[in-house]
Structure formats: C-alpha cells, structure tokens
Amino acid sequence: MEDCVFCKIIDGVIPSNKLYEDEDMIIIRDLNPQAEKHFLLIPKQHYADIIEMTDAQAATLAKCLKKLSALVDELGLSEGFRLVSNKGKHGCQSVKHLHIHILGGQQLDDRMC
C-alpha cells in the first residue's frame, strides 16, 4: 500500500534499523518505546489488523510468532515479554498495517499500554 509507513519501511523507502528480517516479517525498534525493550514485529504483507487477515495470513503470522521464540535471547527478552496488537480507534491503533508490539527488558507492570 503506497501511503503506509510500514510498507515504506519494508520496501526500504523509509530507512530503518531492522533488527531482524526474513521473507515474512521485519522486527524494528518502536520510535516511542513504552518499555526498556520495545520492538515491532511487522508482517511484510499489508493488511490492516488482526480481524482483516485471511487464513493464509494467520498461518504466516503464526510462523512469525514462532520465529520470535528463537530470537528472544538476541533481542534481550529472555526474562519475559508482552505481545500487544492494537485494533481500531478504541484499541489505539495508529498505523493501519498489522503489527505486534513486543515489550520487555524490564519488569512490566499491570497498567494498560
């Protein structure tokens, strides 16, 4: 999608420091971190949110999440982390391209992010 900031990052139009990349996803640092470690797992295929994804996209997202389990030490998340996917206005979704927030690197509290 030509006006999507995440698509532009994936395509290299907007520079970013990709911490991980494969054929299905990238992982980058969040520009407004809410924890010591705050990353974004962004599927390369554009779809707005978790409700819009097809069965095939859901299978790819599952593959991405499984790959994350192999990256926890490298990302400094071995003590634990939280995954968050925002959906819509009330869910505070600011970019209409599905992405998963990965928060960790510290003891997280119970407050909503």
Protein backbone atom coordinates (compact mmCIF):
# COMPACT_ATOMS: atom_id res chain seq x y z
CA MET A 1 0.00 0.00 0.00
CA GLU A 2 1.66 3.18 -1.18
CA ASP A 3 0.76 5.51 1.73
CA CYS A 4 1.54 3.01 4.52
CA VAL A 5 4.57 3.94 6.64
CA PHE A 6 5.28 0.27 7.46
CA CYS A 7 5.13 -0.75 3.79
CA LYS A 8 7.62 2.04 3.06
CA ILE A 9 9.93 0.75 5.81
CA ILE A 10 9.63 -2.81 4.47
CA ASP A 11 10.40 -1.60 0.93
CA GLY A 12 13.39 0.47 2.11
CA VAL A 13 11.80 3.80 1.08
CA ILE A 14 11.97 4.92 4.71
CA PRO A 15 15.27 3.91 6.33
CA SER A 16 15.17 1.84 9.50
CA ASN A 17 17.46 -0.29 11.59
CA LYS A 18 15.96 -3.71 11.01
CA LEU A 19 16.88 -5.97 13.92
CA TYR A 20 15.57 -8.99 12.03
CA GLU A 21 14.21 -9.68 8.56
CA ASP A 22 13.07 -12.73 6.65
CA GLU A 23 10.64 -13.41 3.80
CA ASP A 24 7.60 -12.91 6.07
CA MET A 25 8.42 -10.10 8.50
CA ILE A 26 10.72 -7.47 9.90
CA ILE A 27 11.42 -6.52 13.51
CA ILE A 28 12.35 -2.91 14.27
CA ARG A 29 12.59 -0.74 17.38
CA ASP A 30 9.50 1.28 18.27
CA LEU A 31 10.14 5.02 17.93
CA ASN A 32 8.09 5.73 21.08
CA PRO A 33 9.20 2.98 23.47
CA GLN A 34 6.92 2.06 26.35
CA ALA A 35 9.46 -0.32 27.92
CA GLU A 36 13.24 -0.76 28.04
CA LYS A 37 12.91 -3.08 25.04
CA HIS A 38 10.07 -2.18 22.67
CA PHE A 39 10.08 -3.71 19.23
CA LEU A 40 7.57 -4.01 16.41
CA LEU A 41 7.06 -7.29 14.57
CA ILE A 42 5.64 -6.25 11.19
CA PRO A 43 4.41 -8.79 8.64
CA LYS A 44 5.56 -7.88 5.14
CA GLN A 45 2.14 -8.46 3.64
CA HIS A 46 -0.15 -5.48 4.19
CA TYR A 47 -3.46 -5.98 5.95
CA ALA A 48 -4.97 -3.54 8.41
CA ASP A 49 -5.42 -5.59 11.55
CA ILE A 50 -5.95 -8.96 13.17
CA ILE A 51 -9.63 -9.00 12.15
CA GLU A 52 -8.89 -8.46 8.45
CA MET A 53 -6.37 -11.26 8.00
CA THR A 54 -7.13 -14.31 5.90
CA ASP A 55 -6.45 -17.88 7.00
CA ALA A 56 -3.21 -17.84 4.97
CA GLN A 57 -2.13 -14.57 6.62
CA ALA A 58 -2.97 -16.03 10.04
CA ALA A 59 -0.73 -19.03 9.26
CA THR A 60 2.08 -16.67 8.25
CA LEU A 61 1.62 -14.62 11.43
CA ALA A 62 1.82 -17.84 13.47
CA LYS A 63 5.09 -18.64 11.68
CA CYS A 64 6.39 -15.15 12.55
CA LEU A 65 5.48 -15.58 16.22
CA LYS A 66 7.16 -18.98 16.28
CA LYS A 67 10.32 -17.40 14.82
CA LEU A 68 10.20 -14.80 17.60
CA SER A 69 10.71 -17.62 20.10
CA ALA A 70 14.12 -18.27 18.51
CA LEU A 71 15.08 -14.57 18.78
CA VAL A 72 14.34 -13.85 22.45
CA ASP A 73 17.97 -14.11 23.62
CA GLU A 74 19.24 -11.99 20.72
CA LEU A 75 16.60 -9.33 21.45
CA GLY A 76 17.31 -9.31 25.20
CA LEU A 77 13.92 -10.76 26.13
CA SER A 78 14.93 -14.00 27.85
CA GLU A 79 13.34 -12.92 31.16
CA GLY A 80 9.95 -12.46 29.50
CA PHE A 81 7.96 -10.11 27.31
CA ARG A 82 4.47 -8.92 26.43
CA LEU A 83 2.85 -9.01 22.98
CA VAL A 84 0.24 -6.38 22.06
CA SER A 85 -1.76 -5.97 18.86
CA ASN A 86 -3.87 -2.82 18.72
CA LYS A 87 -7.06 -2.83 16.64
CA GLY A 88 -9.02 0.26 15.65
CA LYS A 89 -9.53 3.65 17.25
CA HIS A 90 -10.51 2.38 20.70
CA GLY A 91 -7.56 0.00 20.64
CA CYS A 92 -5.20 2.92 19.89
CA GLN A 93 -4.09 1.55 16.50
CA SER A 94 -2.11 4.37 14.89
CA VAL A 95 -0.84 2.58 11.75
CA LYS A 96 -3.36 0.58 9.72
CA HIS A 97 -0.90 -2.26 8.97
CA LEU A 98 -1.00 -5.17 11.38
CA HIS A 99 1.96 -5.10 13.73
CA ILE A 100 2.74 -6.71 17.06
CA HIS A 101 4.33 -4.69 19.87
CA ILE A 102 6.96 -6.68 21.78
CA LEU A 103 7.68 -5.16 25.20
CA GLY A 104 10.25 -6.41 27.69
CA GLY A 105 13.72 -5.93 29.09
CA GLN A 106 12.30 -4.96 32.49
CA GLN A 107 9.62 -5.98 34.95
CA LEU A 108 6.37 -4.83 33.31
CA ASP A 109 3.52 -3.58 35.45
CA ASP A 110 -0.18 -4.31 35.08
CA ARG A 111 -1.18 -0.95 33.59
CA MET A 112 -2.59 -0.84 30.10
CA CYS A 113 -0.21 0.47 27.43
